[in-house]
């Protein structure tokens, strides 16, 4: 299994809306988007208010090793994806977090 790490532009959205609206690669094993995966800093706005300009959140997509190179451009071509890379330290981890 490999981890694909993403930076998602969440500005102008609420909650996990930006993550949920992405077109996800269909063959993923699991995924998550949370501040624990990286962020531009703590949210300083009230819950339910849109994230301000420049705010981003990290995400990870876990998939079979041979699919990682196909999934990378799939995510990078989406407007809300700021950056994406294959985590070199996750080759064949067998991780099953959902």
N, C-alpha and C. Protein backbone atom coordinates (compact mmCIF):
# COMPACT_ATOMS: atom_id res chain seq x y z
N UNK A 1 0.84 -1.18 0.00
CA UNK A 1 0.00 0.00 0.00
C UNK A 1 0.89 1.24 0.00
N UNK A 2 0.40 2.30 -0.63
CA UNK A 2 1.11 3.58 -0.68
C UNK A 2 0.17 4.68 -0.20
N UNK A 3 0.77 5.73 0.34
CA UNK A 3 0.01 6.90 0.76
C UNK A 3 0.25 8.03 -0.23
N UNK A 4 -0.82 8.60 -0.68
CA UNK A 4 -0.77 9.79 -1.50
C UNK A 4 -1.18 10.94 -0.57
N UNK A 5 -0.29 11.91 -0.40
CA UNK A 5 -0.56 13.04 0.49
C UNK A 5 -0.99 14.25 -0.34
N UNK A 6 -2.02 14.94 0.14
CA UNK A 6 -2.60 16.06 -0.58
C UNK A 6 -2.69 17.29 0.31
N UNK A 7 -2.63 18.45 -0.31
CA UNK A 7 -2.95 19.73 0.32
C UNK A 7 -4.20 20.23 -0.38
N UNK A 8 -5.28 20.44 0.37
CA UNK A 8 -6.57 20.82 -0.20
C UNK A 8 -6.89 22.26 0.19
N UNK A 9 -7.20 23.09 -0.81
CA UNK A 9 -7.65 24.46 -0.57
C UNK A 9 -9.08 24.40 -0.06
N UNK A 10 -9.28 24.81 1.20
CA UNK A 10 -10.62 24.76 1.79
C UNK A 10 -11.25 26.15 1.90
N UNK A 11 -10.59 27.17 1.37
CA UNK A 11 -11.12 28.53 1.48
C UNK A 11 -12.49 28.65 0.82
N UNK A 12 -13.38 29.38 1.49
CA UNK A 12 -14.72 29.61 0.97
C UNK A 12 -15.69 28.47 1.19
N UNK A 13 -15.25 27.38 1.82
CA UNK A 13 -16.12 26.24 2.09
C UNK A 13 -16.29 26.09 3.60
N UNK A 14 -17.22 25.25 4.01
CA UNK A 14 -17.41 24.97 5.43
C UNK A 14 -17.14 23.50 5.70
N UNK A 15 -16.69 23.21 6.92
CA UNK A 15 -16.43 21.82 7.30
C UNK A 15 -15.50 21.12 6.33
N UNK A 16 -15.88 19.92 5.92
CA UNK A 16 -15.10 19.11 4.98
C UNK A 16 -15.65 19.19 3.56
N UNK A 17 -16.42 20.23 3.28
CA UNK A 17 -17.06 20.38 1.98
C UNK A 17 -16.09 20.28 0.81
N UNK A 18 -14.95 20.93 0.89
CA UNK A 18 -13.97 20.90 -0.22
C UNK A 18 -13.50 19.47 -0.48
N UNK A 19 -13.21 18.73 0.56
CA UNK A 19 -12.78 17.33 0.44
C UNK A 19 -13.88 16.47 -0.15
N UNK A 20 -15.09 16.64 0.33
CA UNK A 20 -16.22 15.83 -0.13
C UNK A 20 -16.57 16.11 -1.59
N UNK A 21 -16.29 17.31 -2.07
CA UNK A 21 -16.60 17.66 -3.46
C UNK A 21 -15.53 17.24 -4.46
N UNK A 22 -14.38 16.79 -3.99
CA UNK A 22 -13.36 16.30 -4.92
C UNK A 22 -13.88 15.06 -5.64
N UNK A 23 -13.41 14.89 -6.86
CA UNK A 23 -13.69 13.65 -7.58
C UNK A 23 -12.59 12.67 -7.16
N UNK A 24 -12.96 11.69 -6.35
CA UNK A 24 -11.97 10.77 -5.80
C UNK A 24 -11.65 9.63 -6.75
N UNK A 25 -10.39 9.22 -6.71
CA UNK A 25 -9.91 8.07 -7.48
C UNK A 25 -10.71 6.86 -7.01
N UNK A 26 -11.27 6.10 -7.91
CA UNK A 26 -12.22 5.05 -7.55
C UNK A 26 -11.60 3.83 -6.85
N UNK A 27 -10.32 3.59 -7.04
CA UNK A 27 -9.72 2.38 -6.49
C UNK A 27 -8.99 2.60 -5.17
N UNK A 28 -9.39 3.61 -4.38
CA UNK A 28 -8.70 3.85 -3.12
C UNK A 28 -9.08 2.80 -2.07
N UNK A 29 -8.16 2.54 -1.19
CA UNK A 29 -8.40 1.62 -0.08
C UNK A 29 -9.07 2.36 1.06
N UNK A 30 -8.55 3.54 1.39
CA UNK A 30 -9.14 4.40 2.42
C UNK A 30 -8.60 5.81 2.23
N UNK A 31 -9.22 6.75 2.93
CA UNK A 31 -8.78 8.14 2.83
C UNK A 31 -9.26 8.91 4.05
N UNK A 32 -8.61 10.06 4.27
CA UNK A 32 -9.04 10.95 5.34
C UNK A 32 -8.50 12.34 5.07
N UNK A 33 -9.24 13.32 5.51
CA UNK A 33 -8.85 14.72 5.40
C UNK A 33 -9.04 15.34 6.77
N UNK A 34 -7.96 15.80 7.38
CA UNK A 34 -8.06 16.35 8.72
C UNK A 34 -6.84 17.21 9.03
N UNK A 35 -6.95 18.10 10.01
CA UNK A 35 -5.80 18.91 10.40
C UNK A 35 -4.60 18.07 10.85
N UNK A 36 -4.84 16.86 11.32
CA UNK A 36 -3.74 15.97 11.73
C UNK A 36 -2.86 15.60 10.54
N UNK A 37 -3.37 15.72 9.33
CA UNK A 37 -2.60 15.42 8.11
C UNK A 37 -1.89 16.67 7.60
N UNK A 38 -2.02 17.78 8.31
CA UNK A 38 -1.40 19.04 7.94
C UNK A 38 -2.45 20.12 7.74
N UNK A 39 -2.06 21.37 7.98
CA UNK A 39 -2.99 22.47 7.78
C UNK A 39 -2.22 23.78 7.74
N UNK A 40 -2.93 24.82 7.35
CA UNK A 40 -2.35 26.16 7.34
C UNK A 40 -2.37 26.76 8.74
N UNK A 41 -2.94 26.07 9.70
CA UNK A 41 -3.03 26.54 11.08
C UNK A 41 -4.43 26.31 11.60
N UNK A 42 -4.65 26.65 12.86
CA UNK A 42 -5.97 26.44 13.44
C UNK A 42 -7.01 27.35 12.79
N UNK A 43 -8.23 26.86 12.70
CA UNK A 43 -9.33 27.67 12.17
C UNK A 43 -9.67 28.75 13.21
N UNK A 44 -9.66 30.00 12.77
CA UNK A 44 -9.93 31.12 13.67
C UNK A 44 -11.34 31.66 13.50
N UNK A 45 -12.12 31.04 12.64
CA UNK A 45 -13.49 31.48 12.40
C UNK A 45 -14.45 30.63 13.21
N UNK A 46 -15.69 31.07 13.28
CA UNK A 46 -16.72 30.33 14.00
C UNK A 46 -17.13 29.08 13.20
N UNK A 47 -17.50 28.00 13.90
CA UNK A 47 -18.00 26.82 13.18
C UNK A 47 -19.20 27.22 12.32
N UNK A 48 -19.26 26.67 11.14
CA UNK A 48 -20.35 26.99 10.23
C UNK A 48 -20.06 28.16 9.31
N UNK A 49 -19.04 28.96 9.63
CA UNK A 49 -18.62 30.05 8.75
C UNK A 49 -17.61 29.51 7.75
N UNK A 50 -17.57 30.10 6.54
CA UNK A 50 -16.61 29.62 5.54
C UNK A 50 -15.15 29.82 5.99
N UNK A 51 -14.30 28.91 5.55
CA UNK A 51 -12.87 29.04 5.79
C UNK A 51 -12.37 30.25 5.01
N UNK A 52 -11.46 31.05 5.59
CA UNK A 52 -10.97 32.24 4.90
C UNK A 52 -9.99 31.89 3.76
N UNK A 53 -9.73 32.87 2.92
CA UNK A 53 -8.79 32.70 1.80
C UNK A 53 -7.43 32.25 2.34
N UNK A 54 -6.83 31.32 1.64
CA UNK A 54 -5.50 30.83 2.00
C UNK A 54 -5.51 29.65 2.96
N UNK A 55 -6.66 29.28 3.48
CA UNK A 55 -6.70 28.16 4.42
C UNK A 55 -6.68 26.84 3.65
N UNK A 56 -5.85 25.90 4.12
CA UNK A 56 -5.77 24.59 3.49
C UNK A 56 -5.72 23.51 4.57
N UNK A 57 -6.01 22.29 4.15
CA UNK A 57 -6.00 21.14 5.06
C UNK A 57 -5.34 19.97 4.35
N UNK A 58 -4.63 19.15 5.12
CA UNK A 58 -3.98 17.98 4.56
C UNK A 58 -4.93 16.79 4.46
N UNK A 59 -4.59 15.90 3.55
CA UNK A 59 -5.38 14.68 3.36
C UNK A 59 -4.43 13.57 2.96
N UNK A 60 -4.88 12.35 3.17
CA UNK A 60 -4.11 11.18 2.75
C UNK A 60 -5.06 10.19 2.08
N UNK A 61 -4.60 9.61 1.00
CA UNK A 61 -5.34 8.57 0.28
C UNK A 61 -4.44 7.34 0.27
N UNK A 62 -4.97 6.21 0.70
CA UNK A 62 -4.21 4.97 0.76
C UNK A 62 -4.73 4.04 -0.33
N UNK A 63 -3.80 3.56 -1.15
CA UNK A 63 -4.18 2.70 -2.27
C UNK A 63 -3.07 1.72 -2.59
N UNK A 64 -3.39 0.75 -3.43
CA UNK A 64 -2.40 -0.24 -3.84
C UNK A 64 -1.19 0.47 -4.45
N UNK A 65 -0.02 -0.04 -4.19
CA UNK A 65 1.22 0.61 -4.64
C UNK A 65 1.24 0.91 -6.13
N UNK A 66 0.81 -0.02 -6.95
CA UNK A 66 0.90 0.18 -8.40
C UNK A 66 -0.08 1.25 -8.91
N UNK A 67 -1.07 1.64 -8.12
CA UNK A 67 -2.04 2.66 -8.54
C UNK A 67 -1.63 4.08 -8.19
N UNK A 68 -0.65 4.23 -7.32
CA UNK A 68 -0.29 5.56 -6.82
C UNK A 68 0.10 6.51 -7.95
N UNK A 69 0.84 6.04 -8.93
CA UNK A 69 1.27 6.92 -10.02
C UNK A 69 0.11 7.34 -10.92
N UNK A 70 -0.96 6.57 -10.95
CA UNK A 70 -2.15 6.94 -11.71
C UNK A 70 -3.02 7.92 -10.93
N UNK A 71 -3.08 7.73 -9.62
CA UNK A 71 -3.91 8.59 -8.78
C UNK A 71 -3.32 10.00 -8.63
N UNK A 72 -2.01 10.12 -8.64
CA UNK A 72 -1.37 11.42 -8.44
C UNK A 72 -1.86 12.47 -9.45
N UNK A 73 -1.75 12.25 -10.76
CA UNK A 73 -2.24 13.27 -11.69
C UNK A 73 -3.76 13.45 -11.62
N UNK A 74 -4.48 12.39 -11.25
CA UNK A 74 -5.93 12.48 -11.09
C UNK A 74 -6.30 13.57 -10.08
N UNK A 75 -5.58 13.61 -8.97
CA UNK A 75 -5.84 14.63 -7.94
C UNK A 75 -5.24 15.98 -8.32
N UNK A 76 -4.04 16.00 -8.87
CA UNK A 76 -3.38 17.27 -9.19
C UNK A 76 -4.14 18.10 -10.22
N UNK A 77 -4.93 17.48 -11.07
CA UNK A 77 -5.66 18.24 -12.08
C UNK A 77 -6.92 18.92 -11.52
N UNK A 78 -7.25 18.67 -10.26
CA UNK A 78 -8.43 19.27 -9.65
C UNK A 78 -8.10 20.61 -9.01
N UNK A 79 -8.96 21.58 -9.22
CA UNK A 79 -8.70 22.97 -8.82
C UNK A 79 -8.41 23.14 -7.33
N UNK A 80 -9.04 22.40 -6.47
CA UNK A 80 -8.85 22.57 -5.02
C UNK A 80 -7.60 21.87 -4.49
N UNK A 81 -6.95 21.07 -5.29
CA UNK A 81 -5.73 20.38 -4.85
C UNK A 81 -4.54 21.29 -5.12
N UNK A 82 -3.93 21.77 -4.04
CA UNK A 82 -2.78 22.67 -4.13
C UNK A 82 -1.52 21.89 -4.48
N UNK A 83 -1.35 20.73 -3.83
CA UNK A 83 -0.16 19.91 -4.02
C UNK A 83 -0.51 18.47 -3.70
N UNK A 84 0.23 17.55 -4.28
CA UNK A 84 0.05 16.13 -4.00
C UNK A 84 1.37 15.42 -4.29
N UNK A 85 1.66 14.41 -3.50
CA UNK A 85 2.87 13.62 -3.72
C UNK A 85 2.69 12.24 -3.12
N UNK A 86 3.46 11.30 -3.62
CA UNK A 86 3.46 9.94 -3.09
C UNK A 86 4.44 9.91 -1.93
N UNK A 87 3.97 9.50 -0.78
CA UNK A 87 4.82 9.43 0.41
C UNK A 87 5.80 8.28 0.24
N UNK A 88 7.06 8.60 0.10
CA UNK A 88 8.10 7.59 -0.16
C UNK A 88 8.31 6.64 1.02
N UNK A 89 7.88 7.03 2.20
CA UNK A 89 8.09 6.20 3.39
C UNK A 89 6.97 5.20 3.65
N UNK A 90 6.06 5.00 2.69
CA UNK A 90 4.92 4.13 2.95
C UNK A 90 4.84 2.91 2.04
N UNK A 91 5.89 2.58 1.37
CA UNK A 91 5.85 1.43 0.46
C UNK A 91 5.46 0.16 1.20
N UNK A 92 4.43 -0.47 0.71
CA UNK A 92 3.98 -1.77 1.21
C UNK A 92 3.81 -1.81 2.72
N UNK A 93 3.13 -0.81 3.30
CA UNK A 93 2.89 -0.78 4.73
C UNK A 93 1.79 -1.73 5.15
N UNK A 94 0.87 -2.01 4.23
CA UNK A 94 -0.26 -2.84 4.60
C UNK A 94 -1.26 -2.12 5.48
N UNK A 95 -1.13 -0.81 5.60
CA UNK A 95 -2.01 -0.03 6.46
C UNK A 95 -3.45 -0.12 5.98
N UNK A 96 -4.38 -0.21 6.93
CA UNK A 96 -5.79 -0.37 6.59
C UNK A 96 -6.67 0.67 7.27
N UNK A 97 -6.15 1.79 7.72
CA UNK A 97 -6.93 2.83 8.37
C UNK A 97 -8.03 3.34 7.44
N UNK A 98 -9.23 3.48 7.96
CA UNK A 98 -10.36 4.01 7.18
C UNK A 98 -10.95 5.18 7.89
